N, C-alpha and C. Protein backbone atom coordinates (compact mmCIF):
# COMPACT_ATOMS: atom_id res chain seq x y z
N MET A 1 53.14 32.23 -1.77
CA MET A 1 52.23 32.77 -2.79
C MET A 1 53.00 32.92 -4.10
N ALA A 2 52.27 32.71 -5.20
CA ALA A 2 52.94 32.68 -6.49
C ALA A 2 53.47 34.04 -6.87
N SER A 3 54.60 34.04 -7.57
CA SER A 3 55.17 35.28 -8.07
C SER A 3 54.79 35.47 -9.52
N THR A 4 54.82 36.72 -9.96
CA THR A 4 54.50 37.04 -11.35
C THR A 4 55.10 38.38 -11.68
N GLU A 5 55.04 38.76 -12.95
CA GLU A 5 55.56 40.05 -13.37
C GLU A 5 54.48 41.10 -13.24
N HIS A 6 54.82 42.27 -12.69
CA HIS A 6 53.82 43.27 -12.43
C HIS A 6 54.11 44.62 -13.07
N GLY A 7 55.22 44.80 -13.72
CA GLY A 7 55.52 46.10 -14.28
C GLY A 7 55.65 47.15 -13.19
N ASN A 8 55.04 48.32 -13.41
CA ASN A 8 55.11 49.42 -12.45
C ASN A 8 53.84 49.52 -11.63
N ASN A 9 53.36 48.42 -11.10
CA ASN A 9 52.11 48.39 -10.38
C ASN A 9 52.35 48.64 -8.90
N PRO A 10 51.96 49.79 -8.34
CA PRO A 10 52.22 50.07 -6.93
C PRO A 10 51.35 49.29 -5.99
N ASN A 11 50.31 48.60 -6.51
CA ASN A 11 49.45 47.81 -5.64
C ASN A 11 50.01 46.43 -5.37
N GLN A 12 51.16 46.09 -5.90
CA GLN A 12 51.73 44.77 -5.74
C GLN A 12 53.19 44.88 -5.33
N ARG A 13 53.62 43.91 -4.50
CA ARG A 13 55.04 43.80 -4.20
C ARG A 13 55.73 43.09 -5.35
N ASP A 14 57.00 43.35 -5.52
CA ASP A 14 57.73 42.80 -6.65
C ASP A 14 57.78 41.27 -6.61
N ASP A 15 57.76 40.67 -5.40
CA ASP A 15 57.94 39.23 -5.27
C ASP A 15 56.63 38.51 -5.01
N GLN A 16 55.49 39.17 -5.21
CA GLN A 16 54.25 38.58 -4.76
C GLN A 16 53.09 39.03 -5.62
N ALA A 17 52.19 38.07 -5.96
CA ALA A 17 50.97 38.41 -6.67
C ALA A 17 49.96 39.01 -5.71
N ALA A 18 49.11 39.87 -6.22
CA ALA A 18 48.02 40.39 -5.41
C ALA A 18 47.04 39.26 -5.13
N ALA A 19 46.30 39.38 -4.03
CA ALA A 19 45.37 38.33 -3.65
C ALA A 19 44.23 38.92 -2.84
N VAL A 20 43.15 38.17 -2.78
CA VAL A 20 42.00 38.49 -1.93
C VAL A 20 41.77 37.27 -1.05
N SER A 21 41.87 37.43 0.26
CA SER A 21 41.68 36.32 1.19
C SER A 21 40.34 36.44 1.88
N VAL A 22 39.67 35.30 2.06
CA VAL A 22 38.29 35.28 2.57
C VAL A 22 38.17 34.23 3.68
N HIS A 23 37.55 34.61 4.80
CA HIS A 23 37.25 33.69 5.90
C HIS A 23 35.79 33.27 5.80
N ILE A 24 35.51 31.98 6.03
CA ILE A 24 34.16 31.45 5.98
C ILE A 24 33.76 30.98 7.37
N ALA A 25 32.63 31.45 7.87
CA ALA A 25 32.02 30.94 9.10
C ALA A 25 30.81 30.11 8.70
N PHE A 26 30.76 28.86 9.14
CA PHE A 26 29.65 27.95 8.80
C PHE A 26 28.60 27.97 9.90
N HIS A 27 27.33 28.06 9.50
CA HIS A 27 26.23 28.09 10.45
C HIS A 27 25.45 26.78 10.46
N GLY A 28 26.03 25.76 9.88
CA GLY A 28 25.41 24.44 9.81
C GLY A 28 26.16 23.60 8.80
N PRO A 29 25.66 22.41 8.49
CA PRO A 29 26.35 21.55 7.53
C PRO A 29 26.16 22.03 6.09
N PHE A 30 27.01 21.54 5.20
CA PHE A 30 26.87 21.84 3.77
C PHE A 30 27.23 20.60 2.98
N ARG A 31 26.85 20.61 1.72
CA ARG A 31 27.20 19.49 0.84
C ARG A 31 27.49 19.99 -0.56
N VAL A 32 28.69 19.73 -1.04
CA VAL A 32 29.04 19.90 -2.45
C VAL A 32 29.25 18.49 -2.98
N GLY A 33 28.23 17.93 -3.59
CA GLY A 33 28.25 16.53 -3.99
C GLY A 33 29.08 16.28 -5.22
N THR A 34 29.50 15.03 -5.36
CA THR A 34 30.27 14.61 -6.53
C THR A 34 29.36 14.07 -7.63
N GLY A 35 28.07 13.81 -7.29
CA GLY A 35 27.19 13.15 -8.25
C GLY A 35 27.38 11.65 -8.29
N LEU A 36 28.21 11.11 -7.38
CA LEU A 36 28.52 9.69 -7.34
C LEU A 36 28.06 9.10 -6.01
N SER A 37 27.67 7.81 -6.03
CA SER A 37 27.29 7.11 -4.82
C SER A 37 28.49 6.35 -4.26
N ARG A 38 28.39 6.01 -2.97
CA ARG A 38 29.50 5.27 -2.34
C ARG A 38 29.00 4.65 -1.05
N ASN A 39 29.25 3.33 -0.85
CA ASN A 39 29.01 2.64 0.41
C ASN A 39 27.59 2.88 0.95
N GLY A 40 26.60 2.71 0.08
CA GLY A 40 25.22 2.87 0.52
C GLY A 40 24.75 4.30 0.59
N VAL A 41 25.58 5.25 0.19
CA VAL A 41 25.21 6.67 0.18
C VAL A 41 24.84 7.06 -1.25
N ASN A 42 23.70 7.72 -1.40
CA ASN A 42 23.26 8.08 -2.75
C ASN A 42 24.16 9.12 -3.39
N GLU A 43 24.56 10.14 -2.63
CA GLU A 43 25.48 11.15 -3.16
C GLU A 43 26.57 11.41 -2.14
N ALA A 44 27.81 11.20 -2.59
CA ALA A 44 28.96 11.35 -1.71
C ALA A 44 29.65 12.69 -1.97
N VAL A 45 30.42 13.13 -0.99
CA VAL A 45 31.26 14.30 -1.16
C VAL A 45 32.69 13.84 -1.45
N ASP A 46 33.50 14.73 -1.98
CA ASP A 46 34.91 14.44 -2.22
C ASP A 46 35.68 14.75 -0.94
N ARG A 47 36.07 13.73 -0.22
CA ARG A 47 36.70 13.93 1.08
C ARG A 47 38.08 14.56 0.98
N ASP A 48 38.65 14.58 -0.22
CA ASP A 48 39.94 15.25 -0.43
C ASP A 48 39.76 16.70 -0.87
N ASP A 49 38.55 17.10 -1.21
CA ASP A 49 38.29 18.46 -1.69
C ASP A 49 36.84 18.80 -1.35
N LEU A 50 36.57 19.07 -0.07
CA LEU A 50 35.21 19.22 0.41
C LEU A 50 34.51 20.47 -0.12
N LEU A 51 35.29 21.53 -0.34
CA LEU A 51 34.73 22.78 -0.87
C LEU A 51 35.66 23.26 -1.98
N PRO A 52 35.44 22.79 -3.21
CA PRO A 52 36.40 23.02 -4.30
C PRO A 52 36.41 24.45 -4.81
N ALA A 53 37.51 24.79 -5.48
CA ALA A 53 37.68 26.13 -6.02
C ALA A 53 36.60 26.48 -7.04
N SER A 54 36.18 25.50 -7.85
CA SER A 54 35.18 25.79 -8.88
C SER A 54 33.86 26.23 -8.26
N SER A 55 33.50 25.64 -7.12
CA SER A 55 32.26 26.04 -6.43
C SER A 55 32.38 27.46 -5.90
N LEU A 56 33.52 27.78 -5.30
CA LEU A 56 33.72 29.12 -4.74
C LEU A 56 33.69 30.18 -5.84
N LYS A 57 34.34 29.88 -6.96
CA LYS A 57 34.34 30.84 -8.06
C LYS A 57 32.94 31.04 -8.61
N GLY A 58 32.18 29.95 -8.78
CA GLY A 58 30.83 30.07 -9.29
C GLY A 58 29.91 30.86 -8.36
N LEU A 59 30.06 30.64 -7.06
CA LEU A 59 29.25 31.38 -6.08
C LEU A 59 29.58 32.87 -6.12
N MET A 60 30.88 33.19 -6.20
CA MET A 60 31.27 34.59 -6.24
C MET A 60 30.85 35.25 -7.54
N ARG A 61 30.91 34.52 -8.63
CA ARG A 61 30.46 35.10 -9.91
C ARG A 61 28.96 35.40 -9.85
N ALA A 62 28.18 34.47 -9.32
CA ALA A 62 26.74 34.70 -9.20
C ALA A 62 26.45 35.89 -8.29
N SER A 63 27.21 36.03 -7.22
CA SER A 63 27.05 37.17 -6.32
C SER A 63 27.38 38.47 -7.03
N ALA A 64 28.49 38.49 -7.77
CA ALA A 64 28.87 39.70 -8.51
C ALA A 64 27.84 40.06 -9.56
N THR A 65 27.25 39.07 -10.21
CA THR A 65 26.22 39.32 -11.21
C THR A 65 24.99 39.97 -10.58
N ARG A 66 24.64 39.52 -9.37
CA ARG A 66 23.50 40.14 -8.67
C ARG A 66 23.83 41.57 -8.24
N LEU A 67 25.05 41.78 -7.77
CA LEU A 67 25.43 43.09 -7.25
C LEU A 67 25.71 44.11 -8.35
N LEU A 68 26.07 43.63 -9.54
CA LEU A 68 26.43 44.52 -10.65
C LEU A 68 25.56 44.21 -11.87
N PRO A 69 24.24 44.38 -11.77
CA PRO A 69 23.37 44.00 -12.89
C PRO A 69 23.62 44.79 -14.16
N ALA A 70 24.16 46.01 -14.03
CA ALA A 70 24.40 46.84 -15.21
C ALA A 70 25.83 46.71 -15.73
N ARG A 71 26.65 45.85 -15.11
CA ARG A 71 28.05 45.75 -15.52
C ARG A 71 28.46 44.31 -15.83
N PRO A 72 27.76 43.64 -16.74
CA PRO A 72 28.19 42.29 -17.11
C PRO A 72 29.58 42.28 -17.74
N ASP A 73 29.98 43.41 -18.36
CA ASP A 73 31.32 43.50 -18.94
C ASP A 73 32.39 43.39 -17.86
N LEU A 74 32.16 44.03 -16.71
CA LEU A 74 33.13 43.98 -15.63
C LEU A 74 33.15 42.61 -14.97
N VAL A 75 31.98 42.00 -14.81
CA VAL A 75 31.93 40.65 -14.25
C VAL A 75 32.74 39.69 -15.13
N GLU A 76 32.60 39.84 -16.44
CA GLU A 76 33.35 38.98 -17.36
C GLU A 76 34.85 39.24 -17.27
N ARG A 77 35.26 40.49 -17.10
CA ARG A 77 36.68 40.79 -17.00
C ARG A 77 37.28 40.20 -15.73
N VAL A 78 36.51 40.18 -14.65
CA VAL A 78 37.03 39.66 -13.38
C VAL A 78 37.00 38.14 -13.36
N PHE A 79 35.89 37.54 -13.80
CA PHE A 79 35.69 36.10 -13.63
C PHE A 79 35.95 35.30 -14.90
N GLY A 80 36.14 35.97 -16.01
CA GLY A 80 36.37 35.27 -17.26
C GLY A 80 35.10 35.14 -18.07
N ARG A 81 35.27 34.92 -19.36
CA ARG A 81 34.14 34.79 -20.28
C ARG A 81 33.50 33.43 -20.08
N LEU A 82 32.16 33.40 -19.99
CA LEU A 82 31.46 32.13 -19.85
C LEU A 82 31.59 31.31 -21.12
N PRO A 83 31.78 30.00 -21.00
CA PRO A 83 31.85 29.15 -22.20
C PRO A 83 30.49 29.01 -22.84
N PRO A 84 30.43 28.65 -24.14
CA PRO A 84 29.14 28.48 -24.81
C PRO A 84 28.28 27.40 -24.16
N ASP A 85 28.93 26.35 -23.62
CA ASP A 85 28.20 25.26 -22.96
C ASP A 85 27.76 25.73 -21.59
N PRO A 86 26.45 25.83 -21.30
CA PRO A 86 26.01 26.34 -20.00
C PRO A 86 26.38 25.44 -18.85
N ASP A 87 26.69 24.16 -19.12
CA ASP A 87 27.08 23.23 -18.05
C ASP A 87 28.58 23.24 -17.77
N ALA A 88 29.34 23.94 -18.61
CA ALA A 88 30.78 23.99 -18.42
C ALA A 88 31.13 25.07 -17.40
N THR A 89 32.35 25.01 -16.89
CA THR A 89 32.82 26.01 -15.94
C THR A 89 33.92 26.84 -16.60
N THR A 90 34.09 28.08 -16.12
CA THR A 90 35.16 28.90 -16.64
C THR A 90 36.49 28.38 -16.13
N PRO A 91 37.57 28.52 -16.90
CA PRO A 91 38.86 27.98 -16.47
C PRO A 91 39.35 28.64 -15.19
N ASN A 92 40.04 27.85 -14.37
CA ASN A 92 40.66 28.35 -13.15
C ASN A 92 42.16 28.11 -13.30
N PRO A 93 42.89 29.03 -13.98
CA PRO A 93 44.29 28.77 -14.31
C PRO A 93 45.14 28.61 -13.06
N PRO A 94 46.16 27.73 -13.10
CA PRO A 94 47.04 27.58 -11.94
C PRO A 94 47.68 28.90 -11.55
N ALA A 95 47.88 29.08 -10.26
CA ALA A 95 48.51 30.30 -9.77
C ALA A 95 49.89 30.45 -10.41
N GLY A 96 50.19 31.66 -10.85
CA GLY A 96 51.49 31.94 -11.44
C GLY A 96 51.54 31.71 -12.93
N THR A 97 50.43 31.24 -13.54
CA THR A 97 50.41 30.99 -14.97
C THR A 97 50.12 32.28 -15.72
N PRO A 98 51.04 32.78 -16.57
CA PRO A 98 50.75 33.98 -17.34
C PRO A 98 49.68 33.69 -18.38
N LEU A 99 48.75 34.62 -18.54
CA LEU A 99 47.65 34.42 -19.46
C LEU A 99 47.79 35.34 -20.66
N PRO A 100 47.50 34.83 -21.88
CA PRO A 100 47.50 35.70 -23.05
C PRO A 100 46.37 36.70 -22.94
N GLU A 101 46.68 37.97 -23.23
CA GLU A 101 45.67 39.03 -23.09
C GLU A 101 44.59 38.85 -24.13
N GLY A 102 43.33 39.03 -23.70
CA GLY A 102 42.21 39.00 -24.62
C GLY A 102 41.68 37.62 -24.92
N ASP A 103 42.09 36.57 -24.18
CA ASP A 103 41.61 35.23 -24.47
C ASP A 103 40.34 34.89 -23.69
N GLY A 104 39.84 35.83 -22.88
CA GLY A 104 38.62 35.59 -22.14
C GLY A 104 38.80 34.92 -20.80
N SER A 105 40.03 34.57 -20.43
CA SER A 105 40.27 33.93 -19.15
C SER A 105 40.28 34.96 -18.02
N SER A 106 39.97 34.49 -16.83
CA SER A 106 40.06 35.36 -15.67
C SER A 106 41.52 35.57 -15.28
N PRO A 107 41.90 36.77 -14.87
CA PRO A 107 43.27 36.99 -14.38
C PRO A 107 43.42 36.59 -12.91
N TRP A 108 42.53 35.73 -12.41
CA TRP A 108 42.55 35.32 -11.00
C TRP A 108 42.42 33.81 -10.89
N HIS A 109 43.06 33.27 -9.86
CA HIS A 109 43.01 31.83 -9.56
C HIS A 109 42.39 31.63 -8.18
N TRP A 110 41.40 30.75 -8.08
CA TRP A 110 40.75 30.43 -6.81
C TRP A 110 41.39 29.19 -6.20
N THR A 111 41.69 29.23 -4.92
CA THR A 111 42.16 28.03 -4.22
C THR A 111 40.95 27.32 -3.61
N PRO A 112 41.04 26.00 -3.37
CA PRO A 112 39.98 25.34 -2.60
C PRO A 112 39.96 25.89 -1.18
N ALA A 113 38.86 25.69 -0.49
CA ALA A 113 38.78 26.15 0.90
C ALA A 113 39.54 25.21 1.81
N ALA A 114 40.33 25.78 2.69
CA ALA A 114 40.99 25.03 3.76
C ALA A 114 40.06 25.06 4.97
N LEU A 115 39.58 23.89 5.40
CA LEU A 115 38.57 23.80 6.45
C LEU A 115 39.18 23.28 7.74
N THR A 116 38.58 23.67 8.87
CA THR A 116 39.03 23.21 10.18
C THR A 116 37.96 22.31 10.80
N THR A 117 38.40 21.36 11.59
CA THR A 117 37.54 20.46 12.39
C THR A 117 36.35 19.96 11.57
N THR A 118 36.65 19.21 10.50
CA THR A 118 35.58 18.72 9.62
C THR A 118 35.10 17.34 10.07
N ALA A 119 33.84 17.08 9.80
CA ALA A 119 33.25 15.77 10.01
C ALA A 119 32.24 15.53 8.90
N VAL A 120 32.23 14.32 8.34
CA VAL A 120 31.30 13.95 7.27
C VAL A 120 30.30 12.95 7.83
N SER A 121 29.02 13.20 7.62
CA SER A 121 27.98 12.31 8.13
C SER A 121 26.85 12.22 7.11
N PRO A 122 26.06 11.12 7.14
CA PRO A 122 24.94 10.99 6.20
C PRO A 122 23.70 11.71 6.71
N ARG A 123 22.88 12.18 5.77
CA ARG A 123 21.58 12.77 6.09
C ARG A 123 20.52 12.05 5.27
N ALA A 124 19.46 11.62 5.93
CA ALA A 124 18.39 10.90 5.25
C ALA A 124 17.36 11.88 4.71
N ARG A 125 16.88 11.60 3.51
CA ARG A 125 15.81 12.38 2.90
C ARG A 125 14.73 11.44 2.40
N ILE A 126 13.48 11.85 2.54
CA ILE A 126 12.37 11.08 2.03
C ILE A 126 11.53 11.96 1.12
N ALA A 127 10.65 11.33 0.36
CA ALA A 127 9.66 12.04 -0.44
C ALA A 127 8.29 11.77 0.17
N VAL A 128 7.49 12.81 0.34
CA VAL A 128 6.19 12.69 0.98
C VAL A 128 5.10 12.67 -0.09
N ASP A 129 4.20 11.73 0.03
CA ASP A 129 3.07 11.63 -0.89
C ASP A 129 2.10 12.79 -0.63
N ALA A 130 1.76 13.53 -1.66
CA ALA A 130 0.93 14.72 -1.50
C ALA A 130 -0.49 14.38 -1.05
N ASP A 131 -1.00 13.19 -1.40
CA ASP A 131 -2.38 12.82 -1.05
C ASP A 131 -2.48 12.25 0.36
N SER A 132 -1.58 11.33 0.69
CA SER A 132 -1.68 10.65 1.99
C SER A 132 -0.89 11.34 3.09
N GLY A 133 0.12 12.14 2.71
CA GLY A 133 0.98 12.77 3.71
C GLY A 133 1.99 11.82 4.29
N ALA A 134 2.06 10.59 3.78
CA ALA A 134 3.02 9.59 4.27
C ALA A 134 4.23 9.54 3.36
N ALA A 135 5.29 8.93 3.86
CA ALA A 135 6.50 8.78 3.06
C ALA A 135 6.23 7.85 1.88
N ARG A 136 6.72 8.21 0.71
CA ARG A 136 6.54 7.40 -0.48
C ARG A 136 7.49 6.22 -0.46
N ARG A 137 7.00 5.09 -0.94
CA ARG A 137 7.81 3.88 -0.98
C ARG A 137 8.99 4.06 -1.95
N ASP A 138 10.15 3.55 -1.58
CA ASP A 138 11.36 3.57 -2.42
C ASP A 138 11.86 4.98 -2.70
N HIS A 139 11.58 5.93 -1.78
CA HIS A 139 12.08 7.30 -1.97
C HIS A 139 12.89 7.76 -0.76
N LEU A 140 13.65 6.85 -0.18
CA LEU A 140 14.59 7.20 0.89
C LEU A 140 15.98 7.38 0.27
N ALA A 141 16.60 8.50 0.55
CA ALA A 141 17.96 8.78 0.02
C ALA A 141 18.86 9.18 1.17
N LEU A 142 20.09 8.66 1.13
CA LEU A 142 21.12 9.05 2.10
C LEU A 142 22.19 9.83 1.36
N ASN A 143 22.39 11.08 1.76
CA ASN A 143 23.41 11.93 1.16
C ASN A 143 24.41 12.36 2.23
N GLU A 144 25.67 12.42 1.84
CA GLU A 144 26.68 12.88 2.79
C GLU A 144 26.62 14.40 2.94
N GLU A 145 26.93 14.89 4.12
CA GLU A 145 27.04 16.31 4.37
C GLU A 145 28.25 16.56 5.25
N VAL A 146 28.73 17.79 5.23
CA VAL A 146 29.99 18.15 5.90
C VAL A 146 29.69 19.17 7.00
N TRP A 147 30.25 18.92 8.17
CA TRP A 147 30.27 19.90 9.25
C TRP A 147 31.69 20.43 9.36
N ALA A 148 31.82 21.74 9.42
CA ALA A 148 33.14 22.35 9.51
C ALA A 148 33.11 23.50 10.50
N GLY A 149 34.23 23.70 11.19
CA GLY A 149 34.29 24.81 12.13
C GLY A 149 34.43 26.15 11.43
N ALA A 150 35.34 26.23 10.49
CA ALA A 150 35.59 27.46 9.75
C ALA A 150 36.37 27.10 8.49
N GLY A 151 36.57 28.08 7.63
CA GLY A 151 37.32 27.84 6.41
C GLY A 151 37.93 29.13 5.89
N GLU A 152 38.91 28.98 5.02
CA GLU A 152 39.54 30.11 4.36
C GLU A 152 39.90 29.72 2.94
N PHE A 153 39.81 30.70 2.03
CA PHE A 153 40.30 30.49 0.68
C PHE A 153 40.88 31.80 0.17
N THR A 154 41.64 31.70 -0.91
CA THR A 154 42.33 32.87 -1.46
C THR A 154 42.10 32.93 -2.96
N VAL A 155 41.92 34.13 -3.46
CA VAL A 155 41.85 34.39 -4.90
C VAL A 155 43.14 35.11 -5.28
N ILE A 156 43.96 34.47 -6.10
CA ILE A 156 45.32 34.94 -6.38
C ILE A 156 45.40 35.48 -7.81
N GLN A 157 46.03 36.61 -7.97
CA GLN A 157 46.19 37.20 -9.30
C GLN A 157 47.16 36.38 -10.13
N THR A 158 46.76 36.10 -11.38
CA THR A 158 47.61 35.36 -12.30
C THR A 158 47.96 36.13 -13.56
N GLY A 159 47.22 37.21 -13.85
CA GLY A 159 47.47 38.01 -15.04
C GLY A 159 47.71 39.46 -14.68
N TYR A 160 48.45 40.17 -15.53
CA TYR A 160 48.76 41.57 -15.24
C TYR A 160 47.51 42.43 -15.32
N LEU A 161 47.40 43.36 -14.38
CA LEU A 161 46.35 44.37 -14.36
C LEU A 161 46.98 45.71 -14.06
N ALA A 162 46.55 46.75 -14.77
CA ALA A 162 47.01 48.10 -14.46
C ALA A 162 46.54 48.46 -13.05
N PRO A 163 47.21 49.40 -12.39
CA PRO A 163 46.89 49.71 -10.98
C PRO A 163 45.42 50.02 -10.72
N ASP A 164 44.80 50.86 -11.56
CA ASP A 164 43.40 51.20 -11.31
C ASP A 164 42.49 50.01 -11.56
N GLU A 165 42.84 49.19 -12.56
CA GLU A 165 42.05 47.99 -12.84
C GLU A 165 42.20 46.97 -11.71
N LEU A 166 43.39 46.84 -11.17
CA LEU A 166 43.60 45.94 -10.04
C LEU A 166 42.75 46.34 -8.85
N LEU A 167 42.71 47.63 -8.54
CA LEU A 167 41.89 48.11 -7.44
C LEU A 167 40.42 47.80 -7.67
N THR A 168 39.95 48.00 -8.92
CA THR A 168 38.56 47.68 -9.24
C THR A 168 38.29 46.19 -9.07
N HIS A 169 39.17 45.34 -9.56
CA HIS A 169 38.97 43.90 -9.45
C HIS A 169 38.92 43.46 -7.99
N ARG A 170 39.87 43.95 -7.18
CA ARG A 170 39.89 43.55 -5.77
C ARG A 170 38.63 44.03 -5.04
N THR A 171 38.12 45.19 -5.41
CA THR A 171 36.89 45.68 -4.81
C THR A 171 35.71 44.79 -5.18
N VAL A 172 35.61 44.43 -6.45
CA VAL A 172 34.53 43.56 -6.90
C VAL A 172 34.63 42.19 -6.23
N LEU A 173 35.84 41.63 -6.16
CA LEU A 173 36.01 40.30 -5.57
C LEU A 173 35.64 40.30 -4.09
N ALA A 174 36.05 41.34 -3.36
CA ALA A 174 35.74 41.40 -1.93
C ALA A 174 34.23 41.50 -1.71
N CYS A 175 33.55 42.37 -2.46
CA CYS A 175 32.11 42.53 -2.28
C CYS A 175 31.36 41.28 -2.76
N ALA A 176 31.84 40.64 -3.83
CA ALA A 176 31.21 39.41 -4.29
C ALA A 176 31.32 38.31 -3.24
N ALA A 177 32.48 38.20 -2.60
CA ALA A 177 32.64 37.20 -1.54
C ALA A 177 31.72 37.49 -0.37
N ALA A 178 31.65 38.75 0.04
CA ALA A 178 30.78 39.13 1.16
C ALA A 178 29.32 38.89 0.85
N GLY A 179 28.97 38.85 -0.44
CA GLY A 179 27.59 38.62 -0.85
C GLY A 179 27.18 37.17 -0.92
N VAL A 180 28.10 36.25 -0.62
CA VAL A 180 27.79 34.82 -0.61
C VAL A 180 27.31 34.44 0.79
N HIS A 181 26.07 33.98 0.91
CA HIS A 181 25.49 33.63 2.21
C HIS A 181 25.10 32.16 2.31
N ALA A 182 25.21 31.41 1.22
CA ALA A 182 24.89 29.99 1.25
C ALA A 182 25.68 29.32 0.13
N LEU A 183 26.01 28.04 0.35
CA LEU A 183 26.80 27.32 -0.65
C LEU A 183 26.40 25.84 -0.66
N GLY A 184 26.74 25.19 -1.75
CA GLY A 184 26.46 23.76 -1.87
C GLY A 184 25.01 23.48 -2.22
N ALA A 185 24.61 22.22 -2.04
CA ALA A 185 23.28 21.76 -2.40
C ALA A 185 22.29 21.98 -1.26
N ASP A 186 21.01 21.92 -1.61
CA ASP A 186 19.90 22.01 -0.65
C ASP A 186 19.96 23.27 0.19
N ARG A 187 20.33 24.38 -0.44
CA ARG A 187 20.41 25.64 0.31
C ARG A 187 19.04 26.09 0.79
N ARG A 188 17.99 25.76 0.05
CA ARG A 188 16.64 26.13 0.47
C ARG A 188 16.09 25.19 1.54
N ARG A 189 16.81 24.14 1.83
CA ARG A 189 16.41 23.20 2.88
C ARG A 189 17.24 23.38 4.15
N GLY A 190 18.00 24.47 4.22
CA GLY A 190 18.72 24.78 5.44
C GLY A 190 20.19 24.42 5.45
N LEU A 191 20.69 23.81 4.37
CA LEU A 191 22.10 23.46 4.32
C LEU A 191 22.92 24.62 3.75
N GLY A 192 24.18 24.67 4.15
CA GLY A 192 25.14 25.56 3.50
C GLY A 192 25.08 27.01 3.88
N TRP A 193 24.44 27.38 4.98
CA TRP A 193 24.39 28.79 5.37
C TRP A 193 25.75 29.22 5.93
N VAL A 194 26.25 30.31 5.41
CA VAL A 194 27.60 30.77 5.77
C VAL A 194 27.64 32.29 5.86
N THR A 195 28.70 32.76 6.50
CA THR A 195 29.09 34.17 6.42
C THR A 195 30.50 34.21 5.85
N CYS A 196 30.66 34.91 4.73
CA CYS A 196 31.98 35.06 4.11
C CYS A 196 32.49 36.46 4.42
N ARG A 197 33.66 36.52 5.05
CA ARG A 197 34.20 37.80 5.50
C ARG A 197 35.57 38.02 4.86
N PRO A 198 35.66 38.88 3.84
CA PRO A 198 36.98 39.17 3.25
C PRO A 198 37.92 39.76 4.30
N GLN A 199 39.15 39.23 4.33
CA GLN A 199 40.15 39.71 5.28
C GLN A 199 41.10 40.72 4.64
N ASP A 200 41.40 40.52 3.37
CA ASP A 200 42.32 41.41 2.66
C ASP A 200 41.88 41.45 1.20
N PRO A 201 41.25 42.55 0.77
CA PRO A 201 40.95 43.76 1.54
C PRO A 201 39.69 43.57 2.38
N PRO A 202 39.60 44.25 3.54
CA PRO A 202 38.37 44.18 4.33
C PRO A 202 37.28 45.02 3.68
N VAL A 203 36.04 44.64 3.93
CA VAL A 203 34.91 45.42 3.41
C VAL A 203 34.62 46.53 4.41
N ASP A 204 35.24 47.68 4.21
CA ASP A 204 35.05 48.83 5.09
C ASP A 204 34.34 49.94 4.31
N ASP A 205 34.19 51.09 4.94
CA ASP A 205 33.45 52.19 4.31
C ASP A 205 34.12 52.64 3.02
N ALA A 206 35.46 52.68 3.00
CA ALA A 206 36.16 53.14 1.80
C ALA A 206 35.93 52.17 0.64
N LEU A 207 35.99 50.86 0.93
CA LEU A 207 35.78 49.88 -0.14
C LEU A 207 34.34 49.93 -0.64
N LEU A 208 33.37 50.07 0.28
CA LEU A 208 31.98 50.15 -0.14
C LEU A 208 31.71 51.40 -0.99
N ALA A 209 32.38 52.50 -0.66
CA ALA A 209 32.24 53.71 -1.46
C ALA A 209 32.78 53.49 -2.87
N ARG A 210 33.93 52.80 -2.99
CA ARG A 210 34.48 52.48 -4.32
C ARG A 210 33.53 51.59 -5.09
N PHE A 211 32.95 50.60 -4.38
CA PHE A 211 32.04 49.68 -5.07
C PHE A 211 30.80 50.41 -5.56
N GLN A 212 30.30 51.37 -4.79
CA GLN A 212 29.14 52.13 -5.22
C GLN A 212 29.46 52.94 -6.48
N GLN A 213 30.67 53.48 -6.55
CA GLN A 213 31.09 54.19 -7.77
C GLN A 213 31.13 53.24 -8.96
N ILE A 214 31.62 52.03 -8.72
CA ILE A 214 31.69 51.04 -9.79
C ILE A 214 30.28 50.69 -10.26
N ARG A 215 29.36 50.49 -9.33
CA ARG A 215 27.96 50.16 -9.67
C ARG A 215 27.33 51.24 -10.53
N GLN A 216 27.67 52.49 -10.26
CA GLN A 216 27.05 53.61 -10.97
C GLN A 216 27.77 53.98 -12.26
N SER A 217 28.94 53.38 -12.49
CA SER A 217 29.68 53.70 -13.70
C SER A 217 29.06 52.99 -14.90
N GLN A 218 29.41 53.47 -16.08
CA GLN A 218 28.88 52.91 -17.31
C GLN A 218 29.99 52.20 -18.07
N PRO A 219 29.68 51.06 -18.67
CA PRO A 219 30.69 50.39 -19.50
C PRO A 219 31.03 51.24 -20.71
N ALA A 220 32.28 51.17 -21.12
CA ALA A 220 32.72 51.94 -22.29
C ALA A 220 32.16 51.33 -23.56
N ALA A 221 32.03 52.16 -24.58
CA ALA A 221 31.62 51.66 -25.89
C ALA A 221 32.71 50.77 -26.45
N GLN A 222 32.33 49.93 -27.41
CA GLN A 222 33.28 49.02 -28.02
C GLN A 222 34.51 49.76 -28.51
N GLY A 223 35.67 49.34 -28.00
CA GLY A 223 36.94 49.95 -28.42
C GLY A 223 37.25 51.21 -27.68
N GLY A 224 36.36 51.68 -26.77
CA GLY A 224 36.61 52.89 -26.01
C GLY A 224 37.30 52.61 -24.71
N ARG A 225 37.51 53.64 -23.93
CA ARG A 225 38.18 53.53 -22.64
C ARG A 225 37.17 53.09 -21.60
N ARG A 226 37.56 52.13 -20.74
CA ARG A 226 36.67 51.66 -19.70
C ARG A 226 36.49 52.75 -18.66
N SER A 227 35.26 52.80 -18.07
CA SER A 227 34.99 53.81 -17.05
C SER A 227 35.26 53.31 -15.65
N ALA A 228 35.62 52.06 -15.47
CA ALA A 228 35.96 51.53 -14.15
C ALA A 228 37.02 50.47 -14.30
């Protein structure tokens, strides 16, 4: 794990960055498509990166936004400032890269998911004519999907955080991960159902109590002291 400078932070070891580790249990296939076709397949997956870090970060950010509707300031501090382009993604700085304070970047780095016993297979999709109820001509699509036994990923600290801020960030990250129940494309069609279980820190009663305090806290006024 990457090393970094931590000052007098008791939540971190001197030789190690803080991290949040998450286990993924898959309840069926999933697909994070590349938008590219290959070998007769309309949409292929990246076989070298089946569940990329950018997807995991985006899912966790969306989960945190749902869980903390009154704290967009905190979501931004944890996940980074959203770019003006709605189609762009927030930067995922390499682990161990020191970040300039106040540049809007997240002080955390997401790793891709490490998956076990994976298999990639095609799934056929058709379009049904609303009047006849029959399959529409020229509307057959073959998309790749991934079957996996389990997976794990880690969110690694890359920027300095004061001890109380670090505890808040780790609490938000753990609850955001636990709030992800589906990933990839066609989630409403039954693909990508998962259970995400944070391992470190675990989501226990103490962590949930801290998260409830964070939910009920108020953001500080501009230039004031943060309340969480």
